[in-house]
Amino acid sequence: GIKNLLNAILSFVWRIIGTVVISNIFVYWFAVWAYSTRIGTLYPNSSCNTLFKCFFATFDQTFKNDGGVGPYTDNTEKAYENTTSIKYDKFVFDNVFNIIILMIIMQIFASLIITQFGVLEEKAENRDEMLFNECYVCGERKATLDEKAKDGYQKHTLDEHNLWTYLHYIHFLKTTSTSKIDLPDREAQQLIFKEEITWLPFSRASKDDDDQRS
């Protein structure tokens, strides 16, 4: 129920956090690369004259520009029109940055989100299939109940195993003192407080019908 949903959300959040941490490790690696080479001189306004400032500028500009850090240093590159080697350095830096950060890491983010939506959709479909094709209380299949009698599933879920009746019963046991109920209800109450469901009549419908036939 709610516990499983919270566990699924927390699991998804931890995967996202892990991906963010990994991406920042790569951003830091690129900041070290820029700071320790001539790439750092291309950062405008001396934004790469310390490693911390270089990391902050790299992180800040990664998603502000379509090409990551590349467009951030394009104007400064014009000051080096006669320096071919630094242009090659920038070319390698920009393309490796785009491949690792903007393509691979972002694809990981996208795949995590798409996968999570797929899992939630599958769970929703399974839940709907269970709600509309089997008894929520005993688990008896709709097709099996309809084979035994006309409108068997509808009569079964309305009369024998009405979901609302069981919900009212659970509420009654949770709000009633043990001293005011009999032994069978007391045993069911203890199982409910332990979050166990063994007190529910699983597959009881089939067994009762078989007993009646014999």
N, C-alpha and C. Protein backbone atom coordinates (compact mmCIF):
# COMPACT_ATOMS: atom_id res chain seq x y z
N GLY A 1 0.82 -1.18 0.00
CA GLY A 1 0.00 0.00 0.00
C GLY A 1 0.87 1.24 0.00
N ILE A 2 0.59 2.10 0.98
CA ILE A 2 1.31 3.37 1.09
C ILE A 2 2.79 3.13 1.35
N LYS A 3 3.10 2.10 2.17
CA LYS A 3 4.50 1.81 2.48
C LYS A 3 5.27 1.44 1.22
N ASN A 4 4.65 0.61 0.36
CA ASN A 4 5.32 0.23 -0.89
C ASN A 4 5.52 1.43 -1.81
N LEU A 5 4.51 2.33 -1.83
CA LEU A 5 4.62 3.53 -2.66
C LEU A 5 5.76 4.43 -2.18
N LEU A 6 5.86 4.61 -0.85
CA LEU A 6 6.93 5.42 -0.29
C LEU A 6 8.30 4.81 -0.57
N ASN A 7 8.38 3.48 -0.46
CA ASN A 7 9.64 2.79 -0.75
C ASN A 7 10.05 2.99 -2.20
N ALA A 8 9.05 2.93 -3.12
CA ALA A 8 9.34 3.13 -4.54
C ALA A 8 9.82 4.55 -4.81
N ILE A 9 9.17 5.54 -4.14
CA ILE A 9 9.56 6.94 -4.32
C ILE A 9 10.97 7.17 -3.78
N LEU A 10 11.24 6.62 -2.58
CA LEU A 10 12.56 6.80 -1.97
C LEU A 10 13.65 6.15 -2.82
N SER A 11 13.35 4.96 -3.37
CA SER A 11 14.31 4.28 -4.23
C SER A 11 14.62 5.12 -5.46
N PHE A 12 13.59 5.72 -6.05
CA PHE A 12 13.76 6.58 -7.22
C PHE A 12 14.57 7.82 -6.86
N VAL A 13 14.26 8.43 -5.70
CA VAL A 13 14.97 9.63 -5.26
C VAL A 13 16.46 9.34 -5.05
N TRP A 14 16.75 8.18 -4.43
CA TRP A 14 18.16 7.83 -4.18
C TRP A 14 18.90 7.60 -5.49
N ARG A 15 18.24 7.02 -6.49
CA ARG A 15 18.89 6.84 -7.79
C ARG A 15 19.18 8.19 -8.44
N ILE A 16 18.22 9.12 -8.31
CA ILE A 16 18.43 10.46 -8.87
C ILE A 16 19.59 11.15 -8.15
N ILE A 17 19.61 11.06 -6.82
CA ILE A 17 20.70 11.67 -6.04
C ILE A 17 22.04 11.07 -6.45
N GLY A 18 22.09 9.76 -6.63
CA GLY A 18 23.32 9.10 -7.05
C GLY A 18 23.79 9.61 -8.41
N THR A 19 22.85 9.81 -9.33
CA THR A 19 23.20 10.31 -10.65
C THR A 19 23.70 11.75 -10.57
N VAL A 20 23.08 12.56 -9.70
CA VAL A 20 23.53 13.95 -9.51
C VAL A 20 24.94 13.98 -8.96
N VAL A 21 25.22 13.12 -8.00
CA VAL A 21 26.57 13.06 -7.42
C VAL A 21 27.60 12.68 -8.48
N ILE A 22 27.27 11.67 -9.28
CA ILE A 22 28.20 11.24 -10.34
C ILE A 22 28.42 12.36 -11.35
N SER A 23 27.35 13.06 -11.73
CA SER A 23 27.50 14.16 -12.70
C SER A 23 28.36 15.28 -12.14
N ASN A 24 28.22 15.56 -10.83
CA ASN A 24 29.04 16.61 -10.22
C ASN A 24 30.51 16.20 -10.12
N ILE A 25 30.73 14.89 -9.94
CA ILE A 25 32.12 14.41 -9.94
C ILE A 25 32.75 14.66 -11.31
N PHE A 26 32.00 14.41 -12.38
CA PHE A 26 32.52 14.68 -13.72
C PHE A 26 32.71 16.17 -13.95
N VAL A 27 31.76 16.98 -13.47
CA VAL A 27 31.91 18.44 -13.62
C VAL A 27 33.16 18.91 -12.89
N TYR A 28 33.40 18.36 -11.71
CA TYR A 28 34.61 18.73 -10.95
C TYR A 28 35.87 18.32 -11.73
N TRP A 29 35.83 17.14 -12.35
CA TRP A 29 36.97 16.67 -13.14
C TRP A 29 37.25 17.61 -14.31
N PHE A 30 36.19 18.10 -14.95
CA PHE A 30 36.36 19.05 -16.05
C PHE A 30 36.88 20.39 -15.53
N ALA A 31 36.43 20.78 -14.32
CA ALA A 31 36.93 22.02 -13.73
C ALA A 31 38.43 21.92 -13.44
N VAL A 32 38.86 20.76 -12.94
CA VAL A 32 40.29 20.54 -12.71
C VAL A 32 41.05 20.59 -14.03
N TRP A 33 40.48 19.99 -15.05
CA TRP A 33 41.09 20.01 -16.39
C TRP A 33 41.26 21.45 -16.87
N ALA A 34 40.19 22.25 -16.74
CA ALA A 34 40.25 23.64 -17.21
C ALA A 34 41.23 24.46 -16.38
N TYR A 35 41.18 24.27 -15.06
CA TYR A 35 42.02 25.07 -14.16
C TYR A 35 43.51 24.78 -14.35
N SER A 36 43.82 23.53 -14.63
CA SER A 36 45.24 23.13 -14.73
C SER A 36 45.80 23.26 -16.14
N THR A 37 44.99 23.71 -17.08
CA THR A 37 45.47 23.89 -18.46
C THR A 37 45.11 25.29 -18.95
N ARG A 38 45.41 25.55 -20.22
CA ARG A 38 45.10 26.87 -20.78
C ARG A 38 43.61 27.08 -20.99
N ILE A 39 42.79 26.01 -20.85
CA ILE A 39 41.35 26.18 -21.01
C ILE A 39 40.82 27.17 -19.98
N GLY A 40 41.40 27.17 -18.78
CA GLY A 40 40.94 28.07 -17.74
C GLY A 40 41.09 29.53 -18.11
N THR A 41 42.05 29.85 -18.97
CA THR A 41 42.25 31.25 -19.38
C THR A 41 41.13 31.73 -20.29
N LEU A 42 40.37 30.82 -20.85
CA LEU A 42 39.26 31.18 -21.72
C LEU A 42 38.01 31.55 -20.94
N TYR A 43 37.96 31.18 -19.65
CA TYR A 43 36.80 31.53 -18.83
C TYR A 43 36.79 33.05 -18.63
N PRO A 44 35.71 33.74 -18.97
CA PRO A 44 35.69 35.20 -18.85
C PRO A 44 35.66 35.67 -17.40
N ASN A 45 36.06 36.92 -17.20
CA ASN A 45 36.00 37.59 -15.89
C ASN A 45 36.79 36.84 -14.81
N SER A 46 37.87 36.20 -15.20
CA SER A 46 38.73 35.47 -14.25
C SER A 46 37.94 34.48 -13.41
N SER A 47 36.96 33.85 -14.03
CA SER A 47 36.09 32.94 -13.29
C SER A 47 36.70 31.55 -13.12
N CYS A 48 37.99 31.39 -13.55
CA CYS A 48 38.66 30.11 -13.37
C CYS A 48 40.06 30.31 -12.82
N ASN A 49 40.24 31.40 -12.04
CA ASN A 49 41.58 31.64 -11.49
C ASN A 49 41.81 30.91 -10.17
N THR A 50 40.76 30.29 -9.62
CA THR A 50 40.89 29.35 -8.50
C THR A 50 40.08 28.11 -8.84
N LEU A 51 40.43 27.00 -8.23
CA LEU A 51 39.73 25.75 -8.53
C LEU A 51 38.25 25.82 -8.14
N PHE A 52 37.96 26.45 -6.99
CA PHE A 52 36.57 26.56 -6.57
C PHE A 52 35.77 27.40 -7.54
N LYS A 53 36.32 28.56 -7.93
CA LYS A 53 35.62 29.41 -8.88
C LYS A 53 35.45 28.71 -10.22
N CYS A 54 36.44 27.93 -10.61
CA CYS A 54 36.37 27.20 -11.88
C CYS A 54 35.27 26.14 -11.83
N PHE A 55 35.19 25.42 -10.71
CA PHE A 55 34.14 24.41 -10.54
C PHE A 55 32.77 25.08 -10.55
N PHE A 56 32.62 26.17 -9.81
CA PHE A 56 31.34 26.87 -9.74
C PHE A 56 30.92 27.37 -11.12
N ALA A 57 31.86 27.96 -11.86
CA ALA A 57 31.54 28.48 -13.20
C ALA A 57 31.17 27.35 -14.15
N THR A 58 31.91 26.25 -14.08
CA THR A 58 31.62 25.09 -14.94
C THR A 58 30.24 24.52 -14.63
N PHE A 59 29.97 24.33 -13.33
CA PHE A 59 28.66 23.81 -12.92
C PHE A 59 27.55 24.78 -13.31
N ASP A 60 27.78 26.07 -13.10
CA ASP A 60 26.75 27.08 -13.36
C ASP A 60 26.42 27.19 -14.84
N GLN A 61 27.42 27.05 -15.70
CA GLN A 61 27.20 27.24 -17.13
C GLN A 61 26.82 25.96 -17.87
N THR A 62 26.88 24.82 -17.18
CA THR A 62 26.63 23.54 -17.86
C THR A 62 25.26 23.50 -18.52
N PHE A 63 24.22 23.96 -17.80
CA PHE A 63 22.86 23.83 -18.32
C PHE A 63 22.26 25.17 -18.72
N LYS A 64 23.07 26.24 -18.64
CA LYS A 64 22.57 27.55 -19.07
C LYS A 64 22.72 27.75 -20.57
N ASN A 65 23.62 27.00 -21.18
CA ASN A 65 23.88 27.14 -22.61
C ASN A 65 23.58 25.82 -23.33
N ASP A 66 23.19 25.92 -24.57
CA ASP A 66 22.87 24.72 -25.35
C ASP A 66 24.08 23.82 -25.50
N GLY A 67 25.25 24.39 -25.55
CA GLY A 67 26.45 23.59 -25.74
C GLY A 67 27.29 23.45 -24.49
N GLY A 68 26.69 23.60 -23.32
CA GLY A 68 27.43 23.46 -22.08
C GLY A 68 28.36 24.63 -21.85
N VAL A 69 29.62 24.35 -21.50
CA VAL A 69 30.59 25.40 -21.20
C VAL A 69 31.11 26.05 -22.48
N GLY A 70 31.00 25.36 -23.59
CA GLY A 70 31.55 25.86 -24.86
C GLY A 70 31.16 27.28 -25.19
N PRO A 71 29.86 27.61 -25.28
CA PRO A 71 29.46 28.98 -25.62
C PRO A 71 29.93 30.02 -24.60
N TYR A 72 30.14 29.57 -23.35
CA TYR A 72 30.60 30.48 -22.29
C TYR A 72 32.00 31.01 -22.58
N THR A 73 32.79 30.23 -23.30
CA THR A 73 34.18 30.63 -23.59
C THR A 73 34.40 31.03 -25.04
N ASP A 74 33.32 31.06 -25.84
CA ASP A 74 33.48 31.37 -27.26
C ASP A 74 34.02 32.77 -27.50
N ASN A 75 33.50 33.76 -26.78
CA ASN A 75 33.95 35.15 -27.01
C ASN A 75 35.40 35.34 -26.63
N THR A 76 35.80 34.69 -25.53
CA THR A 76 37.19 34.82 -25.08
C THR A 76 38.14 34.16 -26.08
N GLU A 77 37.66 33.13 -26.76
CA GLU A 77 38.52 32.40 -27.70
C GLU A 77 38.98 33.31 -28.84
N LYS A 78 38.19 34.34 -29.14
CA LYS A 78 38.55 35.22 -30.26
C LYS A 78 39.86 35.98 -30.00
N ALA A 79 40.22 36.11 -28.73
CA ALA A 79 41.48 36.79 -28.39
C ALA A 79 42.69 35.94 -28.75
N TYR A 80 42.42 34.65 -29.07
CA TYR A 80 43.52 33.73 -29.39
C TYR A 80 43.44 33.30 -30.86
N GLU A 81 43.11 34.23 -31.73
CA GLU A 81 42.90 33.89 -33.14
C GLU A 81 44.16 33.31 -33.78
N ASN A 82 45.30 33.73 -33.32
CA ASN A 82 46.56 33.26 -33.92
C ASN A 82 47.18 32.09 -33.17
N THR A 83 46.48 31.59 -32.16
CA THR A 83 47.01 30.48 -31.36
C THR A 83 46.21 29.22 -31.68
N THR A 84 46.75 28.41 -32.57
CA THR A 84 46.02 27.23 -33.04
C THR A 84 45.90 26.17 -31.96
N SER A 85 46.94 26.00 -31.16
CA SER A 85 46.94 24.90 -30.19
C SER A 85 45.83 25.03 -29.16
N ILE A 86 45.57 26.25 -28.69
CA ILE A 86 44.51 26.41 -27.69
C ILE A 86 43.13 26.18 -28.29
N LYS A 87 43.01 26.43 -29.58
CA LYS A 87 41.74 26.13 -30.26
C LYS A 87 41.51 24.62 -30.27
N TYR A 88 42.58 23.85 -30.51
CA TYR A 88 42.45 22.40 -30.47
C TYR A 88 42.11 21.92 -29.05
N ASP A 89 42.75 22.55 -28.06
CA ASP A 89 42.46 22.20 -26.67
C ASP A 89 40.99 22.44 -26.35
N LYS A 90 40.50 23.58 -26.77
CA LYS A 90 39.09 23.91 -26.52
C LYS A 90 38.16 22.98 -27.28
N PHE A 91 38.55 22.64 -28.51
CA PHE A 91 37.73 21.71 -29.30
C PHE A 91 37.58 20.37 -28.58
N VAL A 92 38.69 19.82 -28.09
CA VAL A 92 38.65 18.54 -27.38
C VAL A 92 37.85 18.68 -26.08
N PHE A 93 38.14 19.73 -25.32
CA PHE A 93 37.46 19.96 -24.04
C PHE A 93 35.94 20.06 -24.23
N ASP A 94 35.52 20.89 -25.16
CA ASP A 94 34.08 21.11 -25.37
C ASP A 94 33.36 19.84 -25.80
N ASN A 95 33.98 19.09 -26.71
CA ASN A 95 33.31 17.91 -27.23
C ASN A 95 33.28 16.76 -26.21
N VAL A 96 34.35 16.57 -25.48
CA VAL A 96 34.34 15.54 -24.43
C VAL A 96 33.33 15.91 -23.35
N PHE A 97 33.28 17.20 -23.00
CA PHE A 97 32.31 17.69 -22.01
C PHE A 97 30.88 17.41 -22.48
N ASN A 98 30.60 17.74 -23.74
CA ASN A 98 29.25 17.55 -24.26
C ASN A 98 28.87 16.07 -24.30
N ILE A 99 29.82 15.23 -24.69
CA ILE A 99 29.51 13.80 -24.79
C ILE A 99 29.22 13.19 -23.42
N ILE A 100 30.08 13.52 -22.44
CA ILE A 100 29.94 12.89 -21.12
C ILE A 100 28.81 13.51 -20.30
N ILE A 101 28.77 14.84 -20.22
CA ILE A 101 27.79 15.50 -19.35
C ILE A 101 26.45 15.67 -20.03
N LEU A 102 26.44 16.29 -21.21
CA LEU A 102 25.18 16.65 -21.84
C LEU A 102 24.51 15.50 -22.57
N MET A 103 25.27 14.46 -22.92
CA MET A 103 24.66 13.34 -23.63
C MET A 103 24.49 12.13 -22.71
N ILE A 104 25.58 11.61 -22.17
CA ILE A 104 25.51 10.37 -21.39
C ILE A 104 24.77 10.58 -20.08
N ILE A 105 25.19 11.59 -19.28
CA ILE A 105 24.55 11.82 -17.98
C ILE A 105 23.08 12.18 -18.14
N MET A 106 22.78 13.04 -19.13
CA MET A 106 21.38 13.42 -19.33
C MET A 106 20.53 12.24 -19.82
N GLN A 107 21.14 11.35 -20.59
CA GLN A 107 20.42 10.15 -21.01
C GLN A 107 20.13 9.25 -19.82
N ILE A 108 21.06 9.20 -18.88
CA ILE A 108 20.83 8.42 -17.66
C ILE A 108 19.65 9.01 -16.89
N PHE A 109 19.62 10.32 -16.74
CA PHE A 109 18.50 10.99 -16.09
C PHE A 109 17.18 10.65 -16.78
N ALA A 110 17.18 10.79 -18.09
CA ALA A 110 15.95 10.54 -18.85
C ALA A 110 15.50 9.09 -18.73
N SER A 111 16.46 8.16 -18.79
CA SER A 111 16.10 6.74 -18.69
C SER A 111 15.55 6.41 -17.31
N LEU A 112 16.09 7.04 -16.26
CA LEU A 112 15.58 6.82 -14.91
C LEU A 112 14.13 7.27 -14.80
N ILE A 113 13.84 8.44 -15.35
CA ILE A 113 12.48 8.97 -15.27
C ILE A 113 11.53 8.12 -16.10
N ILE A 114 11.93 7.77 -17.32
CA ILE A 114 11.07 6.96 -18.19
C ILE A 114 10.83 5.59 -17.57
N THR A 115 11.89 4.98 -17.03
CA THR A 115 11.76 3.66 -16.40
C THR A 115 10.81 3.73 -15.21
N GLN A 116 10.94 4.79 -14.40
CA GLN A 116 10.08 4.92 -13.22
C GLN A 116 8.62 5.08 -13.62
N PHE A 117 8.37 5.89 -14.65
CA PHE A 117 7.00 6.05 -15.13
C PHE A 117 6.46 4.72 -15.67
N GLY A 118 7.34 3.96 -16.33
CA GLY A 118 6.91 2.65 -16.84
C GLY A 118 6.54 1.71 -15.72
N VAL A 119 7.34 1.72 -14.64
CA VAL A 119 7.06 0.86 -13.49
C VAL A 119 5.75 1.26 -12.84
N LEU A 120 5.52 2.57 -12.66
CA LEU A 120 4.28 3.04 -12.05
C LEU A 120 3.08 2.70 -12.91
N GLU A 121 3.24 2.83 -14.24
CA GLU A 121 2.14 2.50 -15.14
C GLU A 121 1.81 1.01 -15.09
N GLU A 122 2.87 0.18 -15.04
CA GLU A 122 2.65 -1.27 -14.95
C GLU A 122 1.95 -1.64 -13.65
N LYS A 123 2.36 -1.01 -12.55
CA LYS A 123 1.71 -1.28 -11.27
C LYS A 123 0.25 -0.85 -11.29
N ALA A 124 -0.02 0.30 -11.94
CA ALA A 124 -1.40 0.77 -12.03
C ALA A 124 -2.25 -0.19 -12.86
N GLU A 125 -1.68 -0.70 -13.95
CA GLU A 125 -2.42 -1.66 -14.78
C GLU A 125 -2.68 -2.95 -14.01
N ASN A 126 -1.66 -3.42 -13.26
CA ASN A 126 -1.85 -4.64 -12.47
C ASN A 126 -2.90 -4.44 -11.38
N ARG A 127 -2.89 -3.25 -10.78
CA ARG A 127 -3.88 -2.96 -9.74
C ARG A 127 -5.28 -2.93 -10.33
N ASP A 128 -5.43 -2.27 -11.49
CA ASP A 128 -6.75 -2.21 -12.13
C ASP A 128 -7.21 -3.60 -12.55
N GLU A 129 -6.25 -4.39 -13.07
CA GLU A 129 -6.61 -5.76 -13.48
C GLU A 129 -7.08 -6.57 -12.28
N MET A 130 -6.44 -6.38 -11.14
CA MET A 130 -6.82 -7.12 -9.94
C MET A 130 -8.17 -6.65 -9.41
N LEU A 131 -8.39 -5.32 -9.42
CA LEU A 131 -9.62 -4.78 -8.86
C LEU A 131 -10.84 -5.19 -9.67
N PHE A 132 -10.70 -5.29 -10.99
CA PHE A 132 -11.86 -5.54 -11.85
C PHE A 132 -11.97 -6.99 -12.30
N ASN A 133 -10.98 -7.82 -12.00
CA ASN A 133 -11.02 -9.19 -12.49
C ASN A 133 -10.84 -10.26 -11.42
N GLU A 134 -10.76 -9.84 -10.15
CA GLU A 134 -10.73 -10.82 -9.08
C GLU A 134 -11.26 -10.21 -7.80
N CYS A 135 -11.73 -11.05 -6.93
CA CYS A 135 -12.26 -10.58 -5.65
C CYS A 135 -11.11 -10.02 -4.82
N TYR A 136 -11.29 -8.80 -4.35
CA TYR A 136 -10.23 -8.14 -3.60
C TYR A 136 -9.99 -8.81 -2.25
N VAL A 137 -10.99 -9.53 -1.75
CA VAL A 137 -10.89 -10.14 -0.42
C VAL A 137 -10.28 -11.54 -0.49
N CYS A 138 -10.85 -12.40 -1.33
CA CYS A 138 -10.40 -13.79 -1.34
C CYS A 138 -9.52 -14.14 -2.53
N GLY A 139 -9.44 -13.25 -3.52
CA GLY A 139 -8.58 -13.49 -4.67
C GLY A 139 -9.18 -14.38 -5.73
N GLU A 140 -10.46 -14.73 -5.61
CA GLU A 140 -11.11 -15.58 -6.61
C GLU A 140 -11.27 -14.82 -7.92
N ARG A 141 -10.94 -15.48 -9.04
CA ARG A 141 -11.01 -14.84 -10.34
C ARG A 141 -12.44 -14.62 -10.79
N LYS A 142 -12.66 -13.52 -11.50
CA LYS A 142 -13.99 -13.17 -12.01
C LYS A 142 -14.52 -14.25 -12.94
N ALA A 143 -13.67 -14.75 -13.83
CA ALA A 143 -14.10 -15.78 -14.78
C ALA A 143 -14.57 -17.04 -14.06
N THR A 144 -13.86 -17.42 -12.99
CA THR A 144 -14.23 -18.62 -12.24
C THR A 144 -15.58 -18.45 -11.56
N LEU A 145 -15.81 -17.28 -10.96
CA LEU A 145 -17.08 -17.03 -10.28
C LEU A 145 -18.24 -16.95 -11.26
N ASP A 146 -18.01 -16.37 -12.44
CA ASP A 146 -19.07 -16.27 -13.44
C ASP A 146 -19.41 -17.63 -14.04
N GLU A 147 -18.45 -18.55 -14.05
CA GLU A 147 -18.72 -19.90 -14.55
C GLU A 147 -19.65 -20.66 -13.60
N LYS A 148 -19.55 -20.37 -12.33
CA LYS A 148 -20.34 -21.10 -11.33
C LYS A 148 -21.79 -20.64 -11.30
N ALA A 149 -22.04 -19.38 -11.60
CA ALA A 149 -23.40 -18.85 -11.57
C ALA A 149 -23.47 -17.59 -12.41
N LYS A 150 -24.67 -17.28 -12.87
CA LYS A 150 -24.87 -16.08 -13.65
C LYS A 150 -24.60 -14.86 -12.76
N ASP A 151 -23.81 -13.93 -13.27
CA ASP A 151 -23.41 -12.76 -12.49
C ASP A 151 -22.78 -13.16 -11.17
N GLY A 152 -22.05 -14.27 -11.20
CA GLY A 152 -21.46 -14.78 -9.96
C GLY A 152 -20.47 -13.82 -9.34
N TYR A 153 -19.66 -13.17 -10.15
CA TYR A 153 -18.66 -12.24 -9.63
C TYR A 153 -19.33 -11.04 -8.96
N GLN A 154 -20.35 -10.51 -9.62
CA GLN A 154 -21.03 -9.33 -9.07
C GLN A 154 -21.72 -9.66 -7.75
N LYS A 155 -22.42 -10.81 -7.70
CA LYS A 155 -23.09 -11.21 -6.47
C LYS A 155 -22.08 -11.51 -5.36
N HIS A 156 -20.99 -12.14 -5.74
CA HIS A 156 -19.97 -12.50 -4.76
C HIS A 156 -19.35 -11.25 -4.12
N THR A 157 -19.00 -10.24 -4.94
CA THR A 157 -18.34 -9.04 -4.42
C THR A 157 -19.32 -8.10 -3.74
N LEU A 158 -20.62 -8.27 -3.99
CA LEU A 158 -21.60 -7.42 -3.32
C LEU A 158 -22.15 -8.06 -2.05
N ASP A 159 -22.31 -9.39 -2.05
CA ASP A 159 -22.96 -10.06 -0.93
C ASP A 159 -21.97 -10.80 -0.02
N GLU A 160 -21.16 -11.68 -0.60
CA GLU A 160 -20.28 -12.52 0.23
C GLU A 160 -19.04 -11.76 0.72
N HIS A 161 -18.34 -11.15 -0.22
CA HIS A 161 -17.08 -10.48 0.13
C HIS A 161 -17.13 -9.02 -0.30
N ASN A 162 -18.05 -8.28 0.29
CA ASN A 162 -18.17 -6.85 -0.01
C ASN A 162 -16.99 -6.11 0.62
N LEU A 163 -16.26 -5.39 -0.22
CA LEU A 163 -15.05 -4.72 0.25
C LEU A 163 -15.34 -3.72 1.36
N TRP A 164 -16.43 -2.96 1.21
CA TRP A 164 -16.76 -1.95 2.21
C TRP A 164 -17.13 -2.59 3.55
N THR A 165 -17.74 -3.76 3.51
CA THR A 165 -18.05 -4.46 4.75
C THR A 165 -16.77 -4.81 5.49
N TYR A 166 -15.77 -5.27 4.76
CA TYR A 166 -14.50 -5.62 5.40
C TYR A 166 -13.78 -4.38 5.91
N LEU A 167 -13.87 -3.27 5.19
CA LEU A 167 -13.25 -2.03 5.65
C LEU A 167 -13.90 -1.54 6.94
N HIS A 168 -15.23 -1.62 7.00
CA HIS A 168 -15.94 -1.25 8.22
C HIS A 168 -15.56 -2.18 9.37
N TYR A 169 -15.39 -3.45 9.06
CA TYR A 169 -15.01 -4.43 10.07
C TYR A 169 -13.61 -4.12 10.63
N ILE A 170 -12.68 -3.80 9.73
CA ILE A 170 -11.32 -3.44 10.16
C ILE A 170 -11.35 -2.20 11.04
N HIS A 171 -12.13 -1.20 10.63
CA HIS A 171 -12.25 0.02 11.43
C HIS A 171 -12.85 -0.29 12.80
N PHE A 172 -13.84 -1.15 12.82
CA PHE A 172 -14.47 -1.55 14.09
C PHE A 172 -13.46 -2.20 15.02
N LEU A 173 -12.65 -3.11 14.49
CA LEU A 173 -11.67 -3.80 15.33
C LEU A 173 -10.58 -2.86 15.81
N LYS A 174 -10.20 -1.89 14.98
CA LYS A 174 -9.14 -0.96 15.37
C LYS A 174 -9.60 0.04 16.42
N THR A 175 -10.89 0.28 16.50
CA THR A 175 -11.41 1.30 17.41
C THR A 175 -12.18 0.71 18.59
N THR A 176 -12.20 -0.61 18.73
CA THR A 176 -12.95 -1.26 19.81
C THR A 176 -12.00 -1.93 20.78
N SER A 177 -12.29 -1.79 22.05
CA SER A 177 -11.46 -2.42 23.08
C SER A 177 -11.53 -3.94 22.98
N THR A 178 -10.42 -4.60 23.28
CA THR A 178 -10.36 -6.07 23.21
C THR A 178 -11.36 -6.72 24.14
N SER A 179 -11.64 -6.09 25.25
CA SER A 179 -12.57 -6.66 26.24
C SER A 179 -14.02 -6.67 25.76
N LYS A 180 -14.32 -5.93 24.70
CA LYS A 180 -15.70 -5.82 24.22
C LYS A 180 -16.00 -6.68 23.01
N ILE A 181 -15.03 -7.50 22.58
CA ILE A 181 -15.25 -8.35 21.41
C ILE A 181 -14.98 -9.80 21.78
N ASP A 182 -15.55 -10.72 20.97
CA ASP A 182 -15.40 -12.14 21.28
C ASP A 182 -14.07 -12.66 20.75
N LEU A 183 -13.80 -13.95 20.99
CA LEU A 183 -12.50 -14.54 20.68
C LEU A 183 -12.14 -14.48 19.20
N PRO A 184 -13.02 -14.87 18.26
CA PRO A 184 -12.64 -14.79 16.83
C PRO A 184 -12.27 -13.37 16.41
N ASP A 185 -13.08 -12.40 16.86
CA ASP A 185 -12.78 -11.00 16.51
C ASP A 185 -11.47 -10.55 17.16
N ARG A 186 -11.21 -11.05 18.37
CA ARG A 186 -9.98 -10.69 19.07
C ARG A 186 -8.75 -11.20 18.31
N GLU A 187 -8.87 -12.43 17.78
CA GLU A 187 -7.75 -12.99 17.01
C GLU A 187 -7.52 -12.20 15.73
N ALA A 188 -8.62 -11.82 15.06
CA ALA A 188 -8.51 -11.01 13.85
C ALA A 188 -7.92 -9.65 14.17
N GLN A 189 -8.32 -9.09 15.31
CA GLN A 189 -7.80 -7.78 15.73
C GLN A 189 -6.29 -7.82 15.94
N GLN A 190 -5.81 -8.88 16.58
CA GLN A 190 -4.38 -9.02 16.82
C GLN A 190 -3.60 -9.11 15.51
N LEU A 191 -4.17 -9.86 14.55
CA LEU A 191 -3.50 -10.00 13.24
C LEU A 191 -3.49 -8.67 12.49
N ILE A 192 -4.57 -7.90 12.61
CA ILE A 192 -4.64 -6.59 11.94
C ILE A 192 -3.60 -5.64 12.51
N PHE A 193 -3.46 -5.63 13.84
CA PHE A 193 -2.46 -4.76 14.47
C PHE A 193 -1.03 -5.18 14.09
N LYS A 194 -0.85 -6.46 13.78
CA LYS A 194 0.46 -6.96 13.33
C LYS A 194 0.66 -6.76 11.83
N GLU A 195 -0.37 -6.18 11.17
CA GLU A 195 -0.36 -5.96 9.72
C GLU A 195 -0.24 -7.28 8.96
N GLU A 196 -0.88 -8.31 9.48
CA GLU A 196 -0.95 -9.60 8.80
C GLU A 196 -2.34 -9.75 8.17
N ILE A 197 -2.41 -10.52 7.09
CA ILE A 197 -3.69 -10.66 6.38
C ILE A 197 -4.16 -12.11 6.33
N THR A 198 -3.60 -12.93 7.21
CA THR A 198 -3.96 -14.35 7.20
C THR A 198 -5.39 -14.59 7.67
N TRP A 199 -6.01 -13.58 8.28
CA TRP A 199 -7.39 -13.75 8.73
C TRP A 199 -8.40 -13.60 7.59
N LEU A 200 -7.95 -13.09 6.45
CA LEU A 200 -8.84 -12.94 5.30
C LEU A 200 -9.12 -14.30 4.66
N PRO A 201 -10.32 -14.48 4.09
CA PRO A 201 -10.71 -15.79 3.52
C PRO A 201 -10.16 -16.02 2.13
N PHE A 202 -8.85 -16.21 2.00
CA PHE A 202 -8.26 -16.44 0.69
C PHE A 202 -8.80 -17.73 0.07
N SER A 203 -9.25 -17.60 -1.21
CA SER A 203 -9.77 -18.75 -1.97
C SER A 203 -10.87 -19.49 -1.21
N ARG A 204 -11.56 -18.80 -0.33
CA ARG A 204 -12.62 -19.43 0.44
C ARG A 204 -13.84 -19.75 -0.43
N ALA A 205 -14.06 -18.91 -1.45
CA ALA A 205 -15.23 -19.12 -2.30
C ALA A 205 -15.17 -20.46 -3.00
N SER A 206 -14.04 -20.80 -3.60
CA SER A 206 -13.89 -22.08 -4.31
C SER A 206 -14.03 -23.24 -3.34
N LYS A 207 -13.44 -23.11 -2.18
CA LYS A 207 -13.48 -24.20 -1.21
C LYS A 207 -14.91 -24.44 -0.72
N ASP A 208 -15.65 -23.34 -0.46
CA ASP A 208 -17.01 -23.48 0.01
C ASP A 208 -17.90 -24.13 -1.05
N ASP A 209 -17.70 -23.74 -2.32
CA ASP A 209 -18.50 -24.35 -3.38
C ASP A 209 -18.17 -25.81 -3.54
N ASP A 210 -16.90 -26.17 -3.44
CA ASP A 210 -16.51 -27.57 -3.56
C ASP A 210 -17.08 -28.39 -2.41
N ASP A 211 -17.10 -27.80 -1.20
CA ASP A 211 -17.67 -28.50 -0.05
C ASP A 211 -19.16 -28.75 -0.24
N GLN A 212 -19.85 -27.74 -0.83
CA GLN A 212 -21.28 -27.89 -1.04
C GLN A 212 -21.57 -28.99 -2.07
N ARG A 213 -20.71 -29.07 -3.11
CA ARG A 213 -20.93 -30.11 -4.11
C ARG A 213 -20.71 -31.50 -3.52
N SER A 214 -19.72 -31.63 -2.66
CA SER A 214 -19.41 -32.96 -2.08
C SER A 214 -20.43 -33.30 -1.00
